[in-house]
């Protein structure tokens, strides 16, 4: 049965990606990249999925302005680079360079939900280095839910960095509750689980925007935040 799991995960991710592409949602690109990872683990060629992701990001770049278009072009360039299309990667990267921030964007509030002091300390350090100042840290799900609901009610739209294993309520349940309350809420899963694990796939399907696997680097965190911000405009 274990050999069938990557195929099942791939089919689920591609179905979700197609649905998000119809809505012109940036989550489609992330889902296509996850599908490409499934192909890699199967020892199969992932060119088709990465090319589809590159074309999708370029399409989104033509629809958006300023930072969103820049992020989309950069994502497309990375996809082209991964499949060896260097000319397309460079031309797309050059388009990204044309987008200059004329407005200094305020950093969104960040809510970190993890019961490991070592992880929260690491996240707090990384987030401050990335320019985030409004950081809320919780070691349990119930306290985090209460705080996040207050932020949403006060018209603030936080980015939630969510662990899957908490002492009182699981991360996937927290994501389900929050995304019912605010479907466009930005949630980044930060967990030791594999991307293809059932609960991670399920939570991505509900609408979480990015995934970071422990242990992680500051660049991996930054990339997840960039993807999340590029797909969120509220």
C-alpha atoms as a PDB file:
ATOM      1  CA  UNK A   1       0.000   0.000   0.000  1.00  0.00           C
ATOM      2  CA  UNK A   2       2.877   2.383   0.724  1.00  0.00           C
ATOM      3  CA  UNK A   3       3.936   2.371  -2.928  1.00  0.00           C
ATOM      4  CA  UNK A   4       0.476   3.625  -3.917  1.00  0.00           C
ATOM      5  CA  UNK A   5       0.572   6.679  -1.625  1.00  0.00           C
ATOM      6  CA  UNK A   6       2.720   8.942  -3.859  1.00  0.00           C
ATOM      7  CA  UNK A   7       0.405   8.276  -6.840  1.00  0.00           C
ATOM      8  CA  UNK A   8      -2.647   9.065  -4.745  1.00  0.00           C
ATOM      9  CA  UNK A   9      -1.013  12.213  -3.371  1.00  0.00           C
ATOM     10  CA  UNK A  10      -0.101  13.329  -6.891  1.00  0.00           C
ATOM     11  CA  UNK A  11      -3.656  12.892  -8.176  1.00  0.00           C
ATOM     12  CA  UNK A  12      -5.098  14.806  -5.248  1.00  0.00           C
ATOM     13  CA  UNK A  13      -2.618  17.674  -5.648  1.00  0.00           C
ATOM     14  CA  UNK A  14      -3.204  17.956  -9.405  1.00  0.00           C
ATOM     15  CA  UNK A  15      -6.980  18.006  -8.916  1.00  0.00           C
ATOM     16  CA  UNK A  16      -6.650  20.752  -6.305  1.00  0.00           C
ATOM     17  CA  UNK A  17      -4.241  22.668  -8.558  1.00  0.00           C
ATOM     18  CA  UNK A  18      -6.635  22.561 -11.519  1.00  0.00           C
ATOM     19  CA  UNK A  19      -9.452  23.878  -9.329  1.00  0.00           C
ATOM     20  CA  UNK A  20      -7.310  26.770  -8.039  1.00  0.00           C
ATOM     21  CA  UNK A  21      -6.080  27.600 -11.544  1.00  0.00           C
ATOM     22  CA  UNK A  22      -9.678  28.093 -12.657  1.00  0.00           C
ATOM     23  CA  UNK A  23     -10.023  30.677  -9.882  1.00  0.00           C
ATOM     24  CA  UNK A  24      -6.688  32.342 -10.739  1.00  0.00           C
ATOM     25  CA  UNK A  25      -5.537  31.658  -7.193  1.00  0.00           C
ATOM     26  CA  UNK A  26      -1.811  31.679  -6.397  1.00  0.00           C
ATOM     27  CA  UNK A  27      -2.284  28.483  -4.385  1.00  0.00           C
ATOM     28  CA  UNK A  28      -2.379  26.626  -7.704  1.00  0.00           C
ATOM     29  CA  UNK A  29       1.323  27.247  -8.206  1.00  0.00           C
ATOM     30  CA  UNK A  30       2.194  25.823  -4.795  1.00  0.00           C
ATOM     31  CA  UNK A  31       0.060  22.746  -5.452  1.00  0.00           C
ATOM     32  CA  UNK A  32       1.753  22.183  -8.812  1.00  0.00           C
ATOM     33  CA  UNK A  33       5.168  22.389  -7.129  1.00  0.00           C
ATOM     34  CA  UNK A  34       4.053  19.825  -4.563  1.00  0.00           C
ATOM     35  CA  UNK A  35       2.842  17.584  -7.374  1.00  0.00           C
ATOM     36  CA  UNK A  36       6.257  17.928  -9.003  1.00  0.00           C
ATOM     37  CA  UNK A  37       7.854  16.798  -5.729  1.00  0.00           C
ATOM     38  CA  UNK A  38       5.639  13.706  -5.786  1.00  0.00           C
ATOM     39  CA  UNK A  39       6.918  12.895  -9.269  1.00  0.00           C
ATOM     40  CA  UNK A  40      10.503  13.300  -8.049  1.00  0.00           C
ATOM     41  CA  UNK A  41       9.933  10.861  -5.184  1.00  0.00           C
ATOM     42  CA  UNK A  42       8.539   8.363  -7.676  1.00  0.00           C
ATOM     43  CA  UNK A  43      11.684   8.713  -9.781  1.00  0.00           C
ATOM     44  CA  UNK A  44       9.638  10.203 -12.627  1.00  0.00           C
ATOM     45  CA  UNK A  45      10.149  13.298 -14.752  1.00  0.00           C
ATOM     46  CA  UNK A  46       8.592  16.417 -13.234  1.00  0.00           C
ATOM     47  CA  UNK A  47       9.071  18.695 -16.239  1.00  0.00           C
ATOM     48  CA  UNK A  48       5.365  18.837 -17.123  1.00  0.00           C
ATOM     49  CA  UNK A  49       4.272  19.982 -13.677  1.00  0.00           C
ATOM     50  CA  UNK A  50       7.035  22.586 -13.347  1.00  0.00           C
ATOM     51  CA  UNK A  51       6.349  23.930 -16.844  1.00  0.00           C
ATOM     52  CA  UNK A  52       2.650  24.220 -16.033  1.00  0.00           C
ATOM     53  CA  UNK A  53       3.528  26.068 -12.813  1.00  0.00           C
ATOM     54  CA  UNK A  54       5.854  28.436 -14.706  1.00  0.00           C
ATOM     55  CA  UNK A  55       3.182  29.262 -17.284  1.00  0.00           C
ATOM     56  CA  UNK A  56       0.585  29.754 -14.546  1.00  0.00           C
ATOM     57  CA  UNK A  57       2.825  32.165 -12.615  1.00  0.00           C
ATOM     58  CA  UNK A  58       3.544  34.147 -15.799  1.00  0.00           C
ATOM     59  CA  UNK A  59      -0.166  34.372 -16.478  1.00  0.00           C
ATOM     60  CA  UNK A  60      -0.758  35.668 -12.944  1.00  0.00           C
ATOM     61  CA  UNK A  61       2.095  38.165 -13.302  1.00  0.00           C
ATOM     62  CA  UNK A  62       0.290  39.722 -16.267  1.00  0.00           C
ATOM     63  CA  UNK A  63      -2.817  40.192 -14.131  1.00  0.00           C
ATOM     64  CA  UNK A  64      -1.198  41.718 -11.042  1.00  0.00           C
ATOM     65  CA  UNK A  65       0.727  44.879 -10.168  1.00  0.00           C
ATOM     66  CA  UNK A  66       3.834  45.786  -8.198  1.00  0.00           C
ATOM     67  CA  UNK A  67       4.980  43.203  -5.641  1.00  0.00           C
ATOM     68  CA  UNK A  68       2.457  40.508  -6.617  1.00  0.00           C
ATOM     69  CA  UNK A  69       3.593  40.560 -10.249  1.00  0.00           C
ATOM     70  CA  UNK A  70       7.224  40.595  -9.188  1.00  0.00           C
ATOM     71  CA  UNK A  71       6.755  37.524  -6.974  1.00  0.00           C
ATOM     72  CA  UNK A  72       4.881  35.736  -9.747  1.00  0.00           C
ATOM     73  CA  UNK A  73       7.655  36.402 -12.275  1.00  0.00           C
ATOM     74  CA  UNK A  74      10.280  35.232  -9.784  1.00  0.00           C
ATOM     75  CA  UNK A  75       8.338  32.026  -9.112  1.00  0.00           C
ATOM     76  CA  UNK A  76       8.027  31.429 -12.851  1.00  0.00           C
ATOM     77  CA  UNK A  77      11.760  32.017 -13.314  1.00  0.00           C
ATOM     78  CA  UNK A  78      12.583  29.449 -10.615  1.00  0.00           C
ATOM     79  CA  UNK A  79      10.339  26.875 -12.283  1.00  0.00           C
ATOM     80  CA  UNK A  80      11.974  27.445 -15.680  1.00  0.00           C
ATOM     81  CA  UNK A  81      15.391  27.150 -14.063  1.00  0.00           C
ATOM     82  CA  UNK A  82      14.524  23.808 -12.452  1.00  0.00           C
ATOM     83  CA  UNK A  83      13.710  22.267 -15.825  1.00  0.00           C
ATOM     84  CA  UNK A  84      16.762  23.702 -17.556  1.00  0.00           C
ATOM     85  CA  UNK A  85      14.995  26.375 -19.627  1.00  0.00           C
ATOM     86  CA  UNK A  86      17.649  28.986 -18.880  1.00  0.00           C
ATOM     87  CA  UNK A  87      16.664  31.487 -21.564  1.00  0.00           C
ATOM     88  CA  UNK A  88      13.059  31.550 -20.329  1.00  0.00           C
ATOM     89  CA  UNK A  89      14.303  31.779 -16.746  1.00  0.00           C
ATOM     90  CA  UNK A  90      16.503  34.790 -17.513  1.00  0.00           C
ATOM     91  CA  UNK A  91      13.906  36.639 -19.590  1.00  0.00           C
ATOM     92  CA  UNK A  92      11.303  36.108 -16.860  1.00  0.00           C
ATOM     93  CA  UNK A  93      13.744  37.222 -14.183  1.00  0.00           C
ATOM     94  CA  UNK A  94      14.443  40.405 -16.158  1.00  0.00           C
ATOM     95  CA  UNK A  95      10.707  41.154 -16.168  1.00  0.00           C
ATOM     96  CA  UNK A  96      10.643  40.748 -12.384  1.00  0.00           C
ATOM     97  CA  UNK A  97      13.434  43.316 -12.029  1.00  0.00           C
ATOM     98  CA  UNK A  98      11.275  45.980 -13.704  1.00  0.00           C
ATOM     99  CA  UNK A  99       8.875  45.992 -10.779  1.00  0.00           C
ATOM    100  CA  UNK A 100      10.061  48.452  -8.156  1.00  0.00           C
ATOM    101  CA  UNK A 101       8.313  48.984  -4.848  1.00  0.00           C
ATOM    102  CA  UNK A 102       7.053  52.569  -4.874  1.00  0.00           C
ATOM    103  CA  UNK A 103       5.170  52.020  -1.642  1.00  0.00           C
ATOM    104  CA  UNK A 104       6.729  50.658   1.526  1.00  0.00           C
ATOM    105  CA  UNK A 105       4.452  47.797   2.471  1.00  0.00           C
ATOM    106  CA  UNK A 106       3.639  47.273   6.118  1.00  0.00           C
ATOM    107  CA  UNK A 107       4.425  43.832   7.417  1.00  0.00           C
ATOM    108  CA  UNK A 108       1.404  41.820   8.469  1.00  0.00           C
ATOM    109  CA  UNK A 109       1.048  40.538  12.037  1.00  0.00           C
ATOM    110  CA  UNK A 110       2.490  37.058  12.491  1.00  0.00           C
ATOM    111  CA  UNK A 111       0.958  34.449  14.778  1.00  0.00           C
ATOM    112  CA  UNK A 112       3.279  31.550  15.661  1.00  0.00           C
ATOM    113  CA  UNK A 113       1.554  28.452  17.051  1.00  0.00           C
ATOM    114  CA  UNK A 114       4.054  25.833  18.286  1.00  0.00           C
ATOM    115  CA  UNK A 115       4.608  24.184  21.662  1.00  0.00           C
ATOM    116  CA  UNK A 116       8.380  23.819  21.209  1.00  0.00           C
ATOM    117  CA  UNK A 117      10.309  26.692  22.885  1.00  0.00           C
ATOM    118  CA  UNK A 118      13.302  25.991  20.632  1.00  0.00           C
ATOM    119  CA  UNK A 119      11.190  26.307  17.470  1.00  0.00           C
ATOM    120  CA  UNK A 120       9.374  29.456  18.600  1.00  0.00           C
ATOM    121  CA  UNK A 121      12.680  31.059  19.587  1.00  0.00           C
ATOM    122  CA  UNK A 122      14.112  30.218  16.167  1.00  0.00           C
ATOM    123  CA  UNK A 123      11.021  31.508  14.363  1.00  0.00           C
ATOM    124  CA  UNK A 124      10.975  34.725  16.381  1.00  0.00           C
ATOM    125  CA  UNK A 125      14.640  35.336  15.545  1.00  0.00           C
ATOM    126  CA  UNK A 126      14.162  34.624  11.837  1.00  0.00           C
ATOM    127  CA  UNK A 127      11.012  36.728  11.579  1.00  0.00           C
ATOM    128  CA  UNK A 128      12.688  39.737  13.187  1.00  0.00           C
ATOM    129  CA  UNK A 129      15.603  39.396  10.776  1.00  0.00           C
ATOM    130  CA  UNK A 130      13.071  39.387   7.924  1.00  0.00           C
ATOM    131  CA  UNK A 131      11.599  42.661   9.179  1.00  0.00           C
ATOM    132  CA  UNK A 132       8.529  41.456  11.079  1.00  0.00           C
ATOM    133  CA  UNK A 133       7.841  43.232  14.364  1.00  0.00           C
ATOM    134  CA  UNK A 134       4.250  42.359  15.289  1.00  0.00           C
ATOM    135  CA  UNK A 135       4.785  38.734  16.347  1.00  0.00           C
ATOM    136  CA  UNK A 136       2.389  36.765  18.583  1.00  0.00           C
ATOM    137  CA  UNK A 137       3.572  33.419  19.953  1.00  0.00           C
ATOM    138  CA  UNK A 138       1.356  30.674  21.421  1.00  0.00           C
ATOM    139  CA  UNK A 139       2.163  27.199  22.725  1.00  0.00           C
ATOM    140  CA  UNK A 140      -1.415  25.878  22.516  1.00  0.00           C
ATOM    141  CA  UNK A 141      -4.194  25.955  19.975  1.00  0.00           C
ATOM    142  CA  UNK A 142      -7.036  27.407  22.036  1.00  0.00           C
ATOM    143  CA  UNK A 143      -5.131  30.548  23.030  1.00  0.00           C
ATOM    144  CA  UNK A 144      -3.965  31.011  19.462  1.00  0.00           C
ATOM    145  CA  UNK A 145      -7.497  30.680  18.082  1.00  0.00           C
ATOM    146  CA  UNK A 146      -8.774  33.313  20.487  1.00  0.00           C
ATOM    147  CA  UNK A 147      -6.028  35.768  19.509  1.00  0.00           C
ATOM    148  CA  UNK A 148      -6.351  35.155  15.761  1.00  0.00           C
ATOM    149  CA  UNK A 149     -10.119  35.684  15.886  1.00  0.00           C
ATOM    150  CA  UNK A 150      -9.559  39.037  17.638  1.00  0.00           C
ATOM    151  CA  UNK A 151      -7.044  40.102  14.982  1.00  0.00           C
ATOM    152  CA  UNK A 152      -9.483  39.202  12.211  1.00  0.00           C
ATOM    153  CA  UNK A 153     -12.351  41.017  13.944  1.00  0.00           C
ATOM    154  CA  UNK A 154     -10.182  44.138  14.216  1.00  0.00           C
ATOM    155  CA  UNK A 155      -9.632  44.019  10.423  1.00  0.00           C
ATOM    156  CA  UNK A 156      -6.065  42.787  10.758  1.00  0.00           C
ATOM    157  CA  UNK A 157      -5.132  39.861   8.556  1.00  0.00           C
ATOM    158  CA  UNK A 158      -2.340  37.895  10.196  1.00  0.00           C
ATOM    159  CA  UNK A 159      -0.116  35.259   8.712  1.00  0.00           C
ATOM    160  CA  UNK A 160      -0.367  32.112  10.826  1.00  0.00           C
ATOM    161  CA  UNK A 161       2.681  29.844  11.209  1.00  0.00           C
ATOM    162  CA  UNK A 162       1.068  26.640  12.381  1.00  0.00           C
ATOM    163  CA  UNK A 163       2.533  23.446  13.829  1.00  0.00           C
ATOM    164  CA  UNK A 164       0.513  20.282  13.291  1.00  0.00           C
ATOM    165  CA  UNK A 165       1.141  18.741  16.731  1.00  0.00           C
ATOM    166  CA  UNK A 166      -0.120  20.770  19.684  1.00  0.00           C
ATOM    167  CA  UNK A 167      -1.016  19.696  23.240  1.00  0.00           C
ATOM    168  CA  UNK A 168      -4.720  20.573  23.112  1.00  0.00           C
ATOM    169  CA  UNK A 169      -5.901  20.637  19.475  1.00  0.00           C
ATOM    170  CA  UNK A 170      -4.245  19.510  16.243  1.00  0.00           C
ATOM    171  CA  UNK A 171      -3.000  21.983  13.662  1.00  0.00           C
ATOM    172  CA  UNK A 172      -5.264  20.634  10.938  1.00  0.00           C
ATOM    173  CA  UNK A 173      -8.312  21.250  13.143  1.00  0.00           C
ATOM    174  CA  UNK A 174      -7.145  24.800  13.867  1.00  0.00           C
ATOM    175  CA  UNK A 175      -6.693  25.424  10.126  1.00  0.00           C
ATOM    176  CA  UNK A 176     -10.167  24.052   9.422  1.00  0.00           C
ATOM    177  CA  UNK A 177     -11.749  26.373  12.010  1.00  0.00           C
ATOM    178  CA  UNK A 178      -9.861  29.459  10.836  1.00  0.00           C
ATOM    179  CA  UNK A 179     -10.424  28.895   7.124  1.00  0.00           C
ATOM    180  CA  UNK A 180     -14.150  28.506   7.714  1.00  0.00           C
ATOM    181  CA  UNK A 181     -14.052  31.849   9.521  1.00  0.00           C
ATOM    182  CA  UNK A 182     -11.878  33.538   6.884  1.00  0.00           C
ATOM    183  CA  UNK A 183     -11.217  31.427   3.745  1.00  0.00           C
ATOM    184  CA  UNK A 184      -8.485  33.764   2.442  1.00  0.00           C
ATOM    185  CA  UNK A 185      -6.506  33.686   5.713  1.00  0.00           C
ATOM    186  CA  UNK A 186      -2.787  33.033   5.188  1.00  0.00           C
ATOM    187  CA  UNK A 187      -1.651  29.829   6.933  1.00  0.00           C
ATOM    188  CA  UNK A 188       1.845  28.368   6.620  1.00  0.00           C
ATOM    189  CA  UNK A 189       2.221  24.815   7.918  1.00  0.00           C
ATOM    190  CA  UNK A 190       5.486  24.317   9.809  1.00  0.00           C
ATOM    191  CA  UNK A 191       5.783  20.658  10.695  1.00  0.00           C
ATOM    192  CA  UNK A 192       8.007  17.599  10.731  1.00  0.00           C
ATOM    193  CA  UNK A 193       5.417  15.812   8.560  1.00  0.00           C
ATOM    194  CA  UNK A 194       6.162  15.030   4.926  1.00  0.00           C
ATOM    195  CA  UNK A 195       4.362  17.114   2.301  1.00  0.00           C
ATOM    196  CA  UNK A 196       2.546  14.000   1.132  1.00  0.00           C
ATOM    197  CA  UNK A 197       1.286  12.930   4.570  1.00  0.00           C
ATOM    198  CA  UNK A 198      -2.524  12.636   4.657  1.00  0.00           C
ATOM    199  CA  UNK A 199      -3.161  15.430   7.141  1.00  0.00           C
ATOM    200  CA  UNK A 200      -0.819  17.857   5.363  1.00  0.00           C
ATOM    201  CA  UNK A 201      -2.535  17.135   2.027  1.00  0.00           C
ATOM    202  CA  UNK A 202      -5.899  17.567   3.708  1.00  0.00           C
ATOM    203  CA  UNK A 203      -4.928  20.896   5.273  1.00  0.00           C
ATOM    204  CA  UNK A 204      -3.489  22.180   1.992  1.00  0.00           C
ATOM    205  CA  UNK A 205      -6.772  21.194   0.372  1.00  0.00           C
ATOM    206  CA  UNK A 206      -8.656  23.352   2.857  1.00  0.00           C
ATOM    207  CA  UNK A 207      -6.650  26.382   1.752  1.00  0.00           C
ATOM    208  CA  UNK A 208      -3.359  26.690   3.668  1.00  0.00           C
ATOM    209  CA  UNK A 209      -0.972  28.678   1.498  1.00  0.00           C
ATOM    210  CA  UNK A 210       2.495  27.220   2.092  1.00  0.00           C
ATOM    211  CA  UNK A 211       4.463  24.441   3.750  1.00  0.00           C
ATOM    212  CA  UNK A 212       7.797  24.427   5.609  1.00  0.00           C
ATOM    213  CA  UNK A 213       9.273  21.179   6.885  1.00  0.00           C
ATOM    214  CA  UNK A 214      11.293  21.033  10.088  1.00  0.00           C
ATOM    215  CA  UNK A 215      14.205  21.553  10.382  1.00  0.00           C
ATOM    216  CA  UNK A 216      14.129  24.693   8.241  1.00  0.00           C
ATOM    217  CA  UNK A 217      16.364  27.586   7.258  1.00  0.00           C
ATOM    218  CA  UNK A 218      15.606  31.299   7.213  1.00  0.00           C
ATOM    219  CA  UNK A 219      15.552  31.168   3.389  1.00  0.00           C
ATOM    220  CA  UNK A 220      12.937  28.408   3.418  1.00  0.00           C
ATOM    221  CA  UNK A 221      10.815  30.486   5.795  1.00  0.00           C
ATOM    222  CA  UNK A 222      11.270  33.592   3.645  1.00  0.00           C
ATOM    223  CA  UNK A 223      10.258  31.697   0.505  1.00  0.00           C
ATOM    224  CA  UNK A 224       7.088  30.454   2.194  1.00  0.00           C
ATOM    225  CA  UNK A 225       6.247  33.984   3.361  1.00  0.00           C
ATOM    226  CA  UNK A 226       6.905  35.377  -0.125  1.00  0.00           C
ATOM    227  CA  UNK A 227       4.570  32.820  -1.715  1.00  0.00           C
ATOM    228  CA  UNK A 228       1.928  33.543   0.922  1.00  0.00           C
ATOM    229  CA  UNK A 229       2.138  37.317   0.571  1.00  0.00           C
ATOM    230  CA  UNK A 230       2.086  37.136  -3.233  1.00  0.00           C
ATOM    231  CA  UNK A 231      -1.218  35.296  -3.087  1.00  0.00           C
ATOM    232  CA  UNK A 232      -2.848  37.462  -0.415  1.00  0.00           C
ATOM    233  CA  UNK A 233      -4.105  40.994  -0.974  1.00  0.00           C
ATOM    234  CA  UNK A 234      -6.458  41.581   1.965  1.00  0.00           C
END
